[in-house]
Amino acid sequence: DGIPAEIFAKLGAAVSVMPGTEVYTALDTGKIEATDWGTLSVNDEAGYNRIAPFAIYPGVHSMNSTDFVVRRSRWNALPADQKAAVQAP
């Protein structure tokens, strides 16, 4: 539903809205060919990476769970080692 469904429809997808409990089986059996479901870590934990190994990230509405905002004055006050720890991949 909503904006993601509109985007996928404009890209030519036949959008099917179904309960989340049915998505994995529908994808595994070929009832659907793709899904917009959860974050990468949620998808991997549920095993989606075994049946659909190609992911697009960031998703249409997936929020990155490691973003944060800090005031510049506070950032500038951090020691170099702490800044490096936050910026490390």
C-alpha atoms as a PDB file:
ATOM      1  CA  ASP A   1       0.000   0.000   0.000  1.00  0.00           C
ATOM      2  CA  GLY A   2       0.940   3.626  -0.183  1.00  0.00           C
ATOM      3  CA  ILE A   3       3.808   5.350  -1.926  1.00  0.00           C
ATOM      4  CA  PRO A   4       6.043   2.249  -2.303  1.00  0.00           C
ATOM      5  CA  ALA A   5       3.200   0.405  -4.075  1.00  0.00           C
ATOM      6  CA  GLU A   6       2.696   3.379  -6.392  1.00  0.00           C
ATOM      7  CA  ILE A   7       6.410   3.467  -7.216  1.00  0.00           C
ATOM      8  CA  PHE A   8       6.555  -0.255  -7.981  1.00  0.00           C
ATOM      9  CA  ALA A   9       3.393  -0.060 -10.099  1.00  0.00           C
ATOM     10  CA  LYS A  10       4.895   2.777 -12.142  1.00  0.00           C
ATOM     11  CA  LEU A  11       7.930   0.560 -12.699  1.00  0.00           C
ATOM     12  CA  GLY A  12       5.630  -2.106 -14.150  1.00  0.00           C
ATOM     13  CA  ALA A  13       5.117  -4.381 -11.162  1.00  0.00           C
ATOM     14  CA  ALA A  14       1.782  -6.037 -10.467  1.00  0.00           C
ATOM     15  CA  VAL A  15       1.542  -5.069  -6.797  1.00  0.00           C
ATOM     16  CA  SER A  16       0.105  -7.662  -4.412  1.00  0.00           C
ATOM     17  CA  VAL A  17      -0.546  -6.728  -0.800  1.00  0.00           C
ATOM     18  CA  MET A  18      -0.501  -9.730   1.532  1.00  0.00           C
ATOM     19  CA  PRO A  19       0.034 -10.493   5.211  1.00  0.00           C
ATOM     20  CA  GLY A  20       3.681 -10.533   6.203  1.00  0.00           C
ATOM     21  CA  THR A  21       3.337 -14.130   7.361  1.00  0.00           C
ATOM     22  CA  GLU A  22       2.651 -15.193   3.750  1.00  0.00           C
ATOM     23  CA  VAL A  23       5.443 -13.301   1.982  1.00  0.00           C
ATOM     24  CA  TYR A  24       8.305 -15.786   2.459  1.00  0.00           C
ATOM     25  CA  THR A  25       6.283 -18.758   1.168  1.00  0.00           C
ATOM     26  CA  ALA A  26       4.871 -16.746  -1.737  1.00  0.00           C
ATOM     27  CA  LEU A  27       8.386 -15.751  -2.775  1.00  0.00           C
ATOM     28  CA  ASP A  28       9.791 -19.247  -2.263  1.00  0.00           C
ATOM     29  CA  THR A  29       7.036 -20.912  -4.331  1.00  0.00           C
ATOM     30  CA  GLY A  30       7.068 -18.349  -7.139  1.00  0.00           C
ATOM     31  CA  LYS A  31       3.656 -16.857  -6.369  1.00  0.00           C
ATOM     32  CA  ILE A  32       5.485 -13.512  -6.277  1.00  0.00           C
ATOM     33  CA  GLU A  33       8.793 -12.632  -7.929  1.00  0.00           C
ATOM     34  CA  ALA A  34      10.014  -9.902  -5.592  1.00  0.00           C
ATOM     35  CA  THR A  35       9.161  -8.323  -2.293  1.00  0.00           C
ATOM     36  CA  ASP A  36       9.583  -5.085  -0.412  1.00  0.00           C
ATOM     37  CA  TRP A  37       9.925  -6.462   3.076  1.00  0.00           C
ATOM     38  CA  GLY A  38      11.935  -5.333   6.075  1.00  0.00           C
ATOM     39  CA  THR A  39      15.527  -4.236   6.385  1.00  0.00           C
ATOM     40  CA  LEU A  40      18.493  -6.269   5.157  1.00  0.00           C
ATOM     41  CA  SER A  41      19.198  -7.634   8.633  1.00  0.00           C
ATOM     42  CA  VAL A  42      15.539  -8.611   9.156  1.00  0.00           C
ATOM     43  CA  ASN A  43      15.440 -10.246   5.720  1.00  0.00           C
ATOM     44  CA  ASP A  44      18.667 -12.179   6.338  1.00  0.00           C
ATOM     45  CA  GLU A  45      17.476 -13.338   9.751  1.00  0.00           C
ATOM     46  CA  ALA A  46      14.246 -14.620   8.162  1.00  0.00           C
ATOM     47  CA  GLY A  47      16.196 -16.423   5.416  1.00  0.00           C
ATOM     48  CA  TYR A  48      15.127 -14.268   2.477  1.00  0.00           C
ATOM     49  CA  ASN A  49      18.747 -14.105   1.305  1.00  0.00           C
ATOM     50  CA  ARG A  50      18.619 -17.867   0.589  1.00  0.00           C
ATOM     51  CA  ILE A  51      15.643 -17.637  -1.785  1.00  0.00           C
ATOM     52  CA  ALA A  52      16.135 -14.102  -3.122  1.00  0.00           C
ATOM     53  CA  PRO A  53      19.848 -13.273  -2.977  1.00  0.00           C
ATOM     54  CA  PHE A  54      19.665  -9.945  -4.818  1.00  0.00           C
ATOM     55  CA  ALA A  55      18.775  -7.003  -2.604  1.00  0.00           C
ATOM     56  CA  ILE A  56      18.502  -3.315  -3.388  1.00  0.00           C
ATOM     57  CA  TYR A  57      19.498  -1.097  -0.496  1.00  0.00           C
ATOM     58  CA  PRO A  58      18.528   1.356   0.688  1.00  0.00           C
ATOM     59  CA  GLY A  59      14.974   0.323  -0.048  1.00  0.00           C
ATOM     60  CA  VAL A  60      12.181   2.650  -1.030  1.00  0.00           C
ATOM     61  CA  HIS A  61      11.172   3.211   2.568  1.00  0.00           C
ATOM     62  CA  SER A  62      13.821   1.357   4.567  1.00  0.00           C
ATOM     63  CA  MET A  63      15.510   3.508   7.135  1.00  0.00           C
ATOM     64  CA  ASN A  64      19.147   3.013   7.829  1.00  0.00           C
ATOM     65  CA  SER A  65      19.413   1.910  11.443  1.00  0.00           C
ATOM     66  CA  THR A  66      22.859   3.377  12.014  1.00  0.00           C
ATOM     67  CA  ASP A  67      22.248   7.024  11.216  1.00  0.00           C
ATOM     68  CA  PHE A  68      22.424   9.562  13.963  1.00  0.00           C
ATOM     69  CA  VAL A  69      22.546  13.318  14.292  1.00  0.00           C
ATOM     70  CA  VAL A  70      24.861  15.300  16.537  1.00  0.00           C
ATOM     71  CA  ARG A  71      25.425  19.008  16.987  1.00  0.00           C
ATOM     72  CA  ARG A  72      28.559  20.252  15.268  1.00  0.00           C
ATOM     73  CA  SER A  73      29.879  21.729  18.511  1.00  0.00           C
ATOM     74  CA  ARG A  74      29.553  18.355  20.266  1.00  0.00           C
ATOM     75  CA  TRP A  75      31.134  16.535  17.317  1.00  0.00           C
ATOM     76  CA  ASN A  76      34.049  18.950  17.255  1.00  0.00           C
ATOM     77  CA  ALA A  77      34.550  18.407  20.990  1.00  0.00           C
ATOM     78  CA  LEU A  78      34.999  14.638  20.592  1.00  0.00           C
ATOM     79  CA  PRO A  79      38.532  13.221  20.742  1.00  0.00           C
ATOM     80  CA  ALA A  80      39.928  11.984  17.419  1.00  0.00           C
ATOM     81  CA  ASP A  81      39.755   8.305  18.455  1.00  0.00           C
ATOM     82  CA  GLN A  82      36.031   8.570  19.212  1.00  0.00           C
ATOM     83  CA  LYS A  83      35.347  10.292  15.881  1.00  0.00           C
ATOM     84  CA  ALA A  84      37.306   7.535  14.123  1.00  0.00           C
ATOM     85  CA  ALA A  85      35.293   4.828  15.903  1.00  0.00           C
ATOM     86  CA  VAL A  86      32.014   6.368  14.752  1.00  0.00           C
ATOM     87  CA  GLN A  87      33.241   6.786  11.179  1.00  0.00           C
ATOM     88  CA  ALA A  88      34.764   3.305  10.848  1.00  0.00           C
ATOM     89  CA  PRO A  89      33.041   1.060   8.279  1.00  0.00           C
END
